[in-house]
Amino acid sequence: MKSMLKPDANYYDQLLQIQQADFVCFELNLYLNTHPDDQQAINQYNEFAQQSKMLKQQFEAQYGPLMHAGHSFTSAPWVWTNTPWPWQV
């Protein structure tokens, strides 16, 4: 049986950066629902969506997949059991 990854400070820092970028995307998404022609908000949304994607790729390369059901790629061996579950973080 493999031992579970022990998250370090960088693990939590990277998760926080992902959460922050995703929060901005979520809020801008709500704003754009009522202001669909606001080009500045659209540009900001696209910038943070790209940032979120990049941060997630970096995190997954170092710590393993963040999401399941085809939203994240994984490698052999199957590493889902090596990282903490969401309620363990």
PDB file of N, CA and C in Angstrom:
ATOM      1  N   MET A   1       0.838  -1.181   0.000  1.00  0.00           N
ATOM      2  CA  MET A   1       0.000   0.000   0.000  1.00  0.00           C
ATOM      3  C   MET A   1       0.887   1.250   0.000  1.00  0.00           C
ATOM      4  N   LYS A   2       0.530   2.197  -0.819  1.00  0.00           N
ATOM      5  CA  LYS A   2       1.293   3.440  -0.917  1.00  0.00           C
ATOM      6  C   LYS A   2       0.941   4.361   0.245  1.00  0.00           C
ATOM      7  N   SER A   3       1.918   5.155   0.637  1.00  0.00           N
ATOM      8  CA  SER A   3       1.636   6.133   1.686  1.00  0.00           C
ATOM      9  C   SER A   3       1.033   7.380   1.054  1.00  0.00           C
ATOM     10  N   MET A   4       0.183   8.032   1.823  1.00  0.00           N
ATOM     11  CA  MET A   4      -0.470   9.234   1.340  1.00  0.00           C
ATOM     12  C   MET A   4       0.515  10.399   1.344  1.00  0.00           C
ATOM     13  N   LEU A   5       0.394  11.250   0.337  1.00  0.00           N
ATOM     14  CA  LEU A   5       1.195  12.454   0.239  1.00  0.00           C
ATOM     15  C   LEU A   5       0.946  13.321   1.466  1.00  0.00           C
ATOM     16  N   LYS A   6       1.996  13.830   2.057  1.00  0.00           N
ATOM     17  CA  LYS A   6       1.884  14.779   3.163  1.00  0.00           C
ATOM     18  C   LYS A   6       2.014  16.183   2.576  1.00  0.00           C
ATOM     19  N   PRO A   7       0.914  16.925   2.502  1.00  0.00           N
ATOM     20  CA  PRO A   7       0.983  18.253   1.890  1.00  0.00           C
ATOM     21  C   PRO A   7       1.956  19.172   2.618  1.00  0.00           C
ATOM     22  N   ASP A   8       2.731  19.910   1.844  1.00  0.00           N
ATOM     23  CA  ASP A   8       3.643  20.902   2.398  1.00  0.00           C
ATOM     24  C   ASP A   8       3.026  22.289   2.222  1.00  0.00           C
ATOM     25  N   ALA A   9       3.741  23.310   2.646  1.00  0.00           N
ATOM     26  CA  ALA A   9       3.227  24.683   2.552  1.00  0.00           C
ATOM     27  C   ALA A   9       2.944  25.071   1.110  1.00  0.00           C
ATOM     28  N   ASN A  10       3.769  24.624   0.173  1.00  0.00           N
ATOM     29  CA  ASN A  10       3.567  24.943  -1.239  1.00  0.00           C
ATOM     30  C   ASN A  10       2.247  24.361  -1.756  1.00  0.00           C
ATOM     31  N   TYR A  11       1.905  23.170  -1.284  1.00  0.00           N
ATOM     32  CA  TYR A  11       0.645  22.520  -1.660  1.00  0.00           C
ATOM     33  C   TYR A  11      -0.529  23.449  -1.334  1.00  0.00           C
ATOM     34  N   TYR A  12      -0.540  23.950  -0.095  1.00  0.00           N
ATOM     35  CA  TYR A  12      -1.628  24.829   0.338  1.00  0.00           C
ATOM     36  C   TYR A  12      -1.575  26.184  -0.362  1.00  0.00           C
ATOM     37  N   ASP A  13      -0.386  26.709  -0.611  1.00  0.00           N
ATOM     38  CA  ASP A  13      -0.264  27.977  -1.333  1.00  0.00           C
ATOM     39  C   ASP A  13      -0.828  27.853  -2.748  1.00  0.00           C
ATOM     40  N   GLN A  14      -0.485  26.760  -3.418  1.00  0.00           N
ATOM     41  CA  GLN A  14      -0.987  26.560  -4.781  1.00  0.00           C
ATOM     42  C   GLN A  14      -2.503  26.368  -4.791  1.00  0.00           C
ATOM     43  N   LEU A  15      -3.028  25.618  -3.824  1.00  0.00           N
ATOM     44  CA  LEU A  15      -4.483  25.459  -3.745  1.00  0.00           C
ATOM     45  C   LEU A  15      -5.173  26.801  -3.530  1.00  0.00           C
ATOM     46  N   LEU A  16      -4.602  27.639  -2.671  1.00  0.00           N
ATOM     47  CA  LEU A  16      -5.180  28.957  -2.419  1.00  0.00           C
ATOM     48  C   LEU A  16      -5.186  29.799  -3.692  1.00  0.00           C
ATOM     49  N   GLN A  17      -4.104  29.787  -4.444  1.00  0.00           N
ATOM     50  CA  GLN A  17      -4.051  30.548  -5.690  1.00  0.00           C
ATOM     51  C   GLN A  17      -5.109  30.061  -6.683  1.00  0.00           C
ATOM     52  N   ILE A  18      -5.312  28.751  -6.745  1.00  0.00           N
ATOM     53  CA  ILE A  18      -6.344  28.191  -7.626  1.00  0.00           C
ATOM     54  C   ILE A  18      -7.719  28.653  -7.165  1.00  0.00           C
ATOM     55  N   GLN A  19      -7.969  28.583  -5.868  1.00  0.00           N
ATOM     56  CA  GLN A  19      -9.265  29.005  -5.334  1.00  0.00           C
ATOM     57  C   GLN A  19      -9.521  30.484  -5.604  1.00  0.00           C
ATOM     58  N   GLN A  20      -8.497  31.298  -5.469  1.00  0.00           N
ATOM     59  CA  GLN A  20      -8.653  32.730  -5.715  1.00  0.00           C
ATOM     60  C   GLN A  20      -8.975  33.007  -7.183  1.00  0.00           C
ATOM     61  N   ALA A  21      -8.255  32.379  -8.089  1.00  0.00           N
ATOM     62  CA  ALA A  21      -8.519  32.583  -9.519  1.00  0.00           C
ATOM     63  C   ALA A  21      -9.918  32.084  -9.881  1.00  0.00           C
ATOM     64  N   ASP A  22     -10.305  30.930  -9.351  1.00  0.00           N
ATOM     65  CA  ASP A  22     -11.636  30.393  -9.629  1.00  0.00           C
ATOM     66  C   ASP A  22     -12.739  31.273  -9.041  1.00  0.00           C
ATOM     67  N   PHE A  23     -12.480  31.863  -7.867  1.00  0.00           N
ATOM     68  CA  PHE A  23     -13.458  32.773  -7.260  1.00  0.00           C
ATOM     69  C   PHE A  23     -13.692  33.984  -8.156  1.00  0.00           C
ATOM     70  N   VAL A  24     -12.607  34.560  -8.676  1.00  0.00           N
ATOM     71  CA  VAL A  24     -12.736  35.712  -9.570  1.00  0.00           C
ATOM     72  C   VAL A  24     -13.540  35.320 -10.812  1.00  0.00           C
ATOM     73  N   CYS A  25     -13.249  34.145 -11.369  1.00  0.00           N
ATOM     74  CA  CYS A  25     -13.987  33.675 -12.546  1.00  0.00           C
ATOM     75  C   CYS A  25     -15.470  33.512 -12.232  1.00  0.00           C
ATOM     76  N   PHE A  26     -15.761  32.933 -11.084  1.00  0.00           N
ATOM     77  CA  PHE A  26     -17.155  32.714 -10.696  1.00  0.00           C
ATOM     78  C   PHE A  26     -17.893  34.049 -10.547  1.00  0.00           C
ATOM     79  N   GLU A  27     -17.272  34.994  -9.852  1.00  0.00           N
ATOM     80  CA  GLU A  27     -17.905  36.300  -9.651  1.00  0.00           C
ATOM     81  C   GLU A  27     -18.074  37.052 -10.967  1.00  0.00           C
ATOM     82  N   LEU A  28     -17.058  37.004 -11.812  1.00  0.00           N
ATOM     83  CA  LEU A  28     -17.179  37.667 -13.114  1.00  0.00           C
ATOM     84  C   LEU A  28     -18.233  36.994 -13.978  1.00  0.00           C
ATOM     85  N   ASN A  29     -18.362  35.681 -13.856  1.00  0.00           N
ATOM     86  CA  ASN A  29     -19.401  34.958 -14.584  1.00  0.00           C
ATOM     87  C   ASN A  29     -20.783  35.477 -14.183  1.00  0.00           C
ATOM     88  N   LEU A  30     -20.992  35.643 -12.890  1.00  0.00           N
ATOM     89  CA  LEU A  30     -22.276  36.170 -12.410  1.00  0.00           C
ATOM     90  C   LEU A  30     -22.504  37.590 -12.922  1.00  0.00           C
ATOM     91  N   TYR A  31     -21.477  38.423 -12.851  1.00  0.00           N
ATOM     92  CA  TYR A  31     -21.582  39.799 -13.330  1.00  0.00           C
ATOM     93  C   TYR A  31     -21.906  39.828 -14.823  1.00  0.00           C
ATOM     94  N   LEU A  32     -21.215  38.993 -15.585  1.00  0.00           N
ATOM     95  CA  LEU A  32     -21.415  38.994 -17.039  1.00  0.00           C
ATOM     96  C   LEU A  32     -22.792  38.469 -17.445  1.00  0.00           C
ATOM     97  N   ASN A  33     -23.434  37.724 -16.567  1.00  0.00           N
ATOM     98  CA  ASN A  33     -24.808  37.293 -16.853  1.00  0.00           C
ATOM     99  C   ASN A  33     -25.746  38.488 -16.992  1.00  0.00           C
ATOM    100  N   THR A  34     -25.442  39.568 -16.283  1.00  0.00           N
ATOM    101  CA  THR A  34     -26.290  40.765 -16.346  1.00  0.00           C
ATOM    102  C   THR A  34     -25.643  41.919 -17.105  1.00  0.00           C
ATOM    103  N   HIS A  35     -24.371  41.776 -17.459  1.00  0.00           N
ATOM    104  CA  HIS A  35     -23.640  42.815 -18.197  1.00  0.00           C
ATOM    105  C   HIS A  35     -22.847  42.165 -19.337  1.00  0.00           C
ATOM    106  N   PRO A  36     -23.535  41.525 -20.264  1.00  0.00           N
ATOM    107  CA  PRO A  36     -22.852  40.713 -21.281  1.00  0.00           C
ATOM    108  C   PRO A  36     -21.985  41.490 -22.268  1.00  0.00           C
ATOM    109  N   ASP A  37     -22.127  42.807 -22.311  1.00  0.00           N
ATOM    110  CA  ASP A  37     -21.353  43.601 -23.264  1.00  0.00           C
ATOM    111  C   ASP A  37     -20.162  44.311 -22.631  1.00  0.00           C
ATOM    112  N   ASP A  38     -19.873  44.032 -21.365  1.00  0.00           N
ATOM    113  CA  ASP A  38     -18.770  44.690 -20.671  1.00  0.00           C
ATOM    114  C   ASP A  38     -17.453  44.035 -21.087  1.00  0.00           C
ATOM    115  N   GLN A  39     -16.800  44.637 -22.074  1.00  0.00           N
ATOM    116  CA  GLN A  39     -15.588  44.055 -22.633  1.00  0.00           C
ATOM    117  C   GLN A  39     -14.457  43.961 -21.612  1.00  0.00           C
ATOM    118  N   GLN A  40     -14.359  44.924 -20.718  1.00  0.00           N
ATOM    119  CA  GLN A  40     -13.311  44.878 -19.694  1.00  0.00           C
ATOM    120  C   GLN A  40     -13.520  43.656 -18.780  1.00  0.00           C
ATOM    121  N   ALA A  41     -14.751  43.392 -18.405  1.00  0.00           N
ATOM    122  CA  ALA A  41     -15.047  42.233 -17.561  1.00  0.00           C
ATOM    123  C   ALA A  41     -14.793  40.931 -18.323  1.00  0.00           C
ATOM    124  N   ILE A  42     -15.114  40.912 -19.595  1.00  0.00           N
ATOM    125  CA  ILE A  42     -14.846  39.730 -20.426  1.00  0.00           C
ATOM    126  C   ILE A  42     -13.346  39.473 -20.495  1.00  0.00           C
ATOM    127  N   ASN A  43     -12.581  40.535 -20.694  1.00  0.00           N
ATOM    128  CA  ASN A  43     -11.126  40.394 -20.742  1.00  0.00           C
ATOM    129  C   ASN A  43     -10.577  39.879 -19.409  1.00  0.00           C
ATOM    130  N   GLN A  44     -11.094  40.422 -18.309  1.00  0.00           N
ATOM    131  CA  GLN A  44     -10.670  39.961 -16.980  1.00  0.00           C
ATOM    132  C   GLN A  44     -11.031  38.494 -16.782  1.00  0.00           C
ATOM    133  N   TYR A  45     -12.244  38.130 -17.175  1.00  0.00           N
ATOM    134  CA  TYR A  45     -12.675  36.740 -17.042  1.00  0.00           C
ATOM    135  C   TYR A  45     -11.721  35.815 -17.797  1.00  0.00           C
ATOM    136  N   ASN A  46     -11.422  36.161 -19.035  1.00  0.00           N
ATOM    137  CA  ASN A  46     -10.526  35.325 -19.844  1.00  0.00           C
ATOM    138  C   ASN A  46      -9.125  35.254 -19.238  1.00  0.00           C
ATOM    139  N   GLU A  47      -8.649  36.348 -18.701  1.00  0.00           N
ATOM    140  CA  GLU A  47      -7.329  36.370 -18.064  1.00  0.00           C
ATOM    141  C   GLU A  47      -7.290  35.421 -16.851  1.00  0.00           C
ATOM    142  N   PHE A  48      -8.315  35.509 -16.006  1.00  0.00           N
ATOM    143  CA  PHE A  48      -8.326  34.660 -14.810  1.00  0.00           C
ATOM    144  C   PHE A  48      -8.650  33.207 -15.149  1.00  0.00           C
ATOM    145  N   ALA A  49      -9.426  32.976 -16.201  1.00  0.00           N
ATOM    146  CA  ALA A  49      -9.680  31.596 -16.630  1.00  0.00           C
ATOM    147  C   ALA A  49      -8.384  30.947 -17.109  1.00  0.00           C
ATOM    148  N   GLN A  50      -7.580  31.699 -17.846  1.00  0.00           N
ATOM    149  CA  GLN A  50      -6.288  31.192 -18.300  1.00  0.00           C
ATOM    150  C   GLN A  50      -5.355  30.972 -17.123  1.00  0.00           C
ATOM    151  N   GLN A  51      -5.349  31.913 -16.188  1.00  0.00           N
ATOM    152  CA  GLN A  51      -4.519  31.772 -14.993  1.00  0.00           C
ATOM    153  C   GLN A  51      -4.926  30.529 -14.198  1.00  0.00           C
ATOM    154  N   SER A  52      -6.219  30.312 -14.036  1.00  0.00           N
ATOM    155  CA  SER A  52      -6.710  29.137 -13.320  1.00  0.00           C
ATOM    156  C   SER A  52      -6.259  27.853 -14.000  1.00  0.00           C
ATOM    157  N   LYS A  53      -6.377  27.828 -15.296  1.00  0.00           N
ATOM    158  CA  LYS A  53      -5.959  26.644 -16.054  1.00  0.00           C
ATOM    159  C   LYS A  53      -4.470  26.364 -15.860  1.00  0.00           C
ATOM    160  N   MET A  54      -3.655  27.407 -15.938  1.00  0.00           N
ATOM    161  CA  MET A  54      -2.216  27.257 -15.773  1.00  0.00           C
ATOM    162  C   MET A  54      -1.875  26.784 -14.355  1.00  0.00           C
ATOM    163  N   LEU A  55      -2.510  27.387 -13.350  1.00  0.00           N
ATOM    164  CA  LEU A  55      -2.261  26.998 -11.962  1.00  0.00           C
ATOM    165  C   LEU A  55      -2.647  25.543 -11.715  1.00  0.00           C
ATOM    166  N   LYS A  56      -3.753  25.121 -12.290  1.00  0.00           N
ATOM    167  CA  LYS A  56      -4.195  23.733 -12.118  1.00  0.00           C
ATOM    168  C   LYS A  56      -3.234  22.761 -12.798  1.00  0.00           C
ATOM    169  N   GLN A  57      -2.743  23.127 -13.962  1.00  0.00           N
ATOM    170  CA  GLN A  57      -1.775  22.265 -14.639  1.00  0.00           C
ATOM    171  C   GLN A  57      -0.505  22.128 -13.816  1.00  0.00           C
ATOM    172  N   GLN A  58      -0.039  23.234 -13.244  1.00  0.00           N
ATOM    173  CA  GLN A  58       1.160  23.195 -12.409  1.00  0.00           C
ATOM    174  C   GLN A  58       0.933  22.340 -11.170  1.00  0.00           C
ATOM    175  N   PHE A  59      -0.213  22.534 -10.527  1.00  0.00           N
ATOM    176  CA  PHE A  59      -0.531  21.772  -9.326  1.00  0.00           C
ATOM    177  C   PHE A  59      -0.593  20.282  -9.639  1.00  0.00           C
ATOM    178  N   GLU A  60      -1.299  19.932 -10.697  1.00  0.00           N
ATOM    179  CA  GLU A  60      -1.469  18.523 -11.048  1.00  0.00           C
ATOM    180  C   GLU A  60      -0.147  17.871 -11.441  1.00  0.00           C
ATOM    181  N   ALA A  61       0.745  18.618 -12.062  1.00  0.00           N
ATOM    182  CA  ALA A  61       2.047  18.067 -12.422  1.00  0.00           C
ATOM    183  C   ALA A  61       2.851  17.717 -11.173  1.00  0.00           C
ATOM    184  N   GLN A  62       2.653  18.477 -10.120  1.00  0.00           N
ATOM    185  CA  GLN A  62       3.424  18.258  -8.898  1.00  0.00           C
ATOM    186  C   GLN A  62       2.726  17.335  -7.904  1.00  0.00           C
ATOM    187  N   TYR A  63       1.401  17.450  -7.784  1.00  0.00           N
ATOM    188  CA  TYR A  63       0.683  16.752  -6.711  1.00  0.00           C
ATOM    189  C   TYR A  63      -0.343  15.732  -7.186  1.00  0.00           C
ATOM    190  N   GLY A  64      -0.649  15.710  -8.468  1.00  0.00           N
ATOM    191  CA  GLY A  64      -1.649  14.781  -8.975  1.00  0.00           C
ATOM    192  C   GLY A  64      -2.940  15.495  -9.324  1.00  0.00           C
ATOM    193  N   PRO A  65      -3.899  14.755  -9.854  1.00  0.00           N
ATOM    194  CA  PRO A  65      -5.137  15.359 -10.371  1.00  0.00           C
ATOM    195  C   PRO A  65      -5.982  16.028  -9.287  1.00  0.00           C
ATOM    196  N   LEU A  66      -6.648  17.100  -9.688  1.00  0.00           N
ATOM    197  CA  LEU A  66      -7.551  17.829  -8.802  1.00  0.00           C
ATOM    198  C   LEU A  66      -8.995  17.367  -8.937  1.00  0.00           C
ATOM    199  N   MET A  67      -9.384  16.976 -10.144  1.00  0.00           N
ATOM    200  CA  MET A  67     -10.782  16.644 -10.419  1.00  0.00           C
ATOM    201  C   MET A  67     -10.864  15.283 -11.091  1.00  0.00           C
ATOM    202  N   HIS A  68     -12.020  14.689 -11.011  1.00  0.00           N
ATOM    203  CA  HIS A  68     -12.229  13.381 -11.620  1.00  0.00           C
ATOM    204  C   HIS A  68     -13.195  13.503 -12.794  1.00  0.00           C
ATOM    205  N   ALA A  69     -13.667  12.398 -13.268  1.00  0.00           N
ATOM    206  CA  ALA A  69     -14.669  12.326 -14.338  1.00  0.00           C
ATOM    207  C   ALA A  69     -14.181  12.967 -15.635  1.00  0.00           C
ATOM    208  N   GLY A  70     -12.895  12.810 -15.918  1.00  0.00           N
ATOM    209  CA  GLY A  70     -12.362  13.293 -17.184  1.00  0.00           C
ATOM    210  C   GLY A  70     -11.957  14.747 -17.206  1.00  0.00           C
ATOM    211  N   HIS A  71     -12.041  15.438 -16.071  1.00  0.00           N
ATOM    212  CA  HIS A  71     -11.659  16.850 -16.041  1.00  0.00           C
ATOM    213  C   HIS A  71     -10.172  17.042 -15.797  1.00  0.00           C
ATOM    214  N   SER A  72      -9.510  16.008 -15.305  1.00  0.00           N
ATOM    215  CA  SER A  72      -8.067  16.045 -15.081  1.00  0.00           C
ATOM    216  C   SER A  72      -7.461  14.778 -15.650  1.00  0.00           C
ATOM    217  N   PHE A  73      -6.264  14.918 -16.185  1.00  0.00           N
ATOM    218  CA  PHE A  73      -5.545  13.754 -16.662  1.00  0.00           C
ATOM    219  C   PHE A  73      -4.755  13.169 -15.508  1.00  0.00           C
ATOM    220  N   THR A  74      -4.413  11.923 -15.620  1.00  0.00           N
ATOM    221  CA  THR A  74      -3.596  11.274 -14.603  1.00  0.00           C
ATOM    222  C   THR A  74      -2.572  10.398 -15.290  1.00  0.00           C
ATOM    223  N   SER A  75      -1.648   9.919 -14.530  1.00  0.00           N
ATOM    224  CA  SER A  75      -0.592   9.084 -15.086  1.00  0.00           C
ATOM    225  C   SER A  75      -0.577   7.751 -14.370  1.00  0.00           C
ATOM    226  N   ALA A  76       0.211   6.840 -14.884  1.00  0.00           N
ATOM    227  CA  ALA A  76       0.377   5.555 -14.220  1.00  0.00           C
ATOM    228  C   ALA A  76       1.513   5.707 -13.226  1.00  0.00           C
ATOM    229  N   PRO A  77       1.419   5.166 -12.072  1.00  0.00           N
ATOM    230  CA  PRO A  77       0.262   4.448 -11.535  1.00  0.00           C
ATOM    231  C   PRO A  77      -0.854   5.414 -11.138  1.00  0.00           C
ATOM    232  N   TRP A  78      -2.013   4.837 -10.904  1.00  0.00           N
ATOM    233  CA  TRP A  78      -3.179   5.599 -10.461  1.00  0.00           C
ATOM    234  C   TRP A  78      -2.845   6.289  -9.154  1.00  0.00           C
ATOM    235  N   VAL A  79      -2.916   7.630  -9.114  1.00  0.00           N
ATOM    236  CA  VAL A  79      -2.418   8.362  -7.955  1.00  0.00           C
ATOM    237  C   VAL A  79      -3.507   8.983  -7.078  1.00  0.00           C
ATOM    238  N   TRP A  80      -4.747   8.716  -7.380  1.00  0.00           N
ATOM    239  CA  TRP A  80      -5.818   9.332  -6.601  1.00  0.00           C
ATOM    240  C   TRP A  80      -5.719   9.004  -5.113  1.00  0.00           C
ATOM    241  N   THR A  81      -5.223   7.843  -4.797  1.00  0.00           N
ATOM    242  CA  THR A  81      -5.158   7.443  -3.390  1.00  0.00           C
ATOM    243  C   THR A  81      -3.944   8.012  -2.683  1.00  0.00           C
ATOM    244  N   ASN A  82      -3.065   8.694  -3.401  1.00  0.00           N
ATOM    245  CA  ASN A  82      -1.864   9.243  -2.807  1.00  0.00           C
ATOM    246  C   ASN A  82      -2.052  10.648  -2.237  1.00  0.00           C
ATOM    247  N   THR A  83      -3.085  11.332  -2.655  1.00  0.00           N
ATOM    248  CA  THR A  83      -3.285  12.714  -2.217  1.00  0.00           C
ATOM    249  C   THR A  83      -4.417  12.776  -1.198  1.00  0.00           C
ATOM    250  N   PRO A  84      -4.430  13.800  -0.374  1.00  0.00           N
ATOM    251  CA  PRO A  84      -5.503  13.917   0.610  1.00  0.00           C
ATOM    252  C   PRO A  84      -6.858  14.126  -0.065  1.00  0.00           C
ATOM    253  N   TRP A  85      -7.900  13.614   0.548  1.00  0.00           N
ATOM    254  CA  TRP A  85      -9.259  13.854   0.081  1.00  0.00           C
ATOM    255  C   TRP A  85      -9.627  15.298   0.438  1.00  0.00           C
ATOM    256  N   PRO A  86     -10.615  15.882  -0.237  1.00  0.00           N
ATOM    257  CA  PRO A  86     -10.935  17.293   0.023  1.00  0.00           C
ATOM    258  C   PRO A  86     -11.164  17.614   1.506  1.00  0.00           C
ATOM    259  N   TRP A  87     -11.773  16.736   2.238  1.00  0.00           N
ATOM    260  CA  TRP A  87     -12.052  16.998   3.647  1.00  0.00           C
ATOM    261  C   TRP A  87     -10.817  16.823   4.532  1.00  0.00           C
ATOM    262  N   GLN A  88      -9.720  16.337   3.952  1.00  0.00           N
ATOM    263  CA  GLN A  88      -8.488  16.171   4.709  1.00  0.00           C
ATOM    264  C   GLN A  88      -7.545  17.359   4.528  1.00  0.00           C
ATOM    265  N   VAL A  89      -7.887  18.266   3.660  1.00  0.00           N
ATOM    266  CA  VAL A  89      -7.016  19.408   3.367  1.00  0.00           C
ATOM    267  C   VAL A  89      -7.378  20.567   4.255  1.00  0.00           C
TER     268      VAL A  89
END
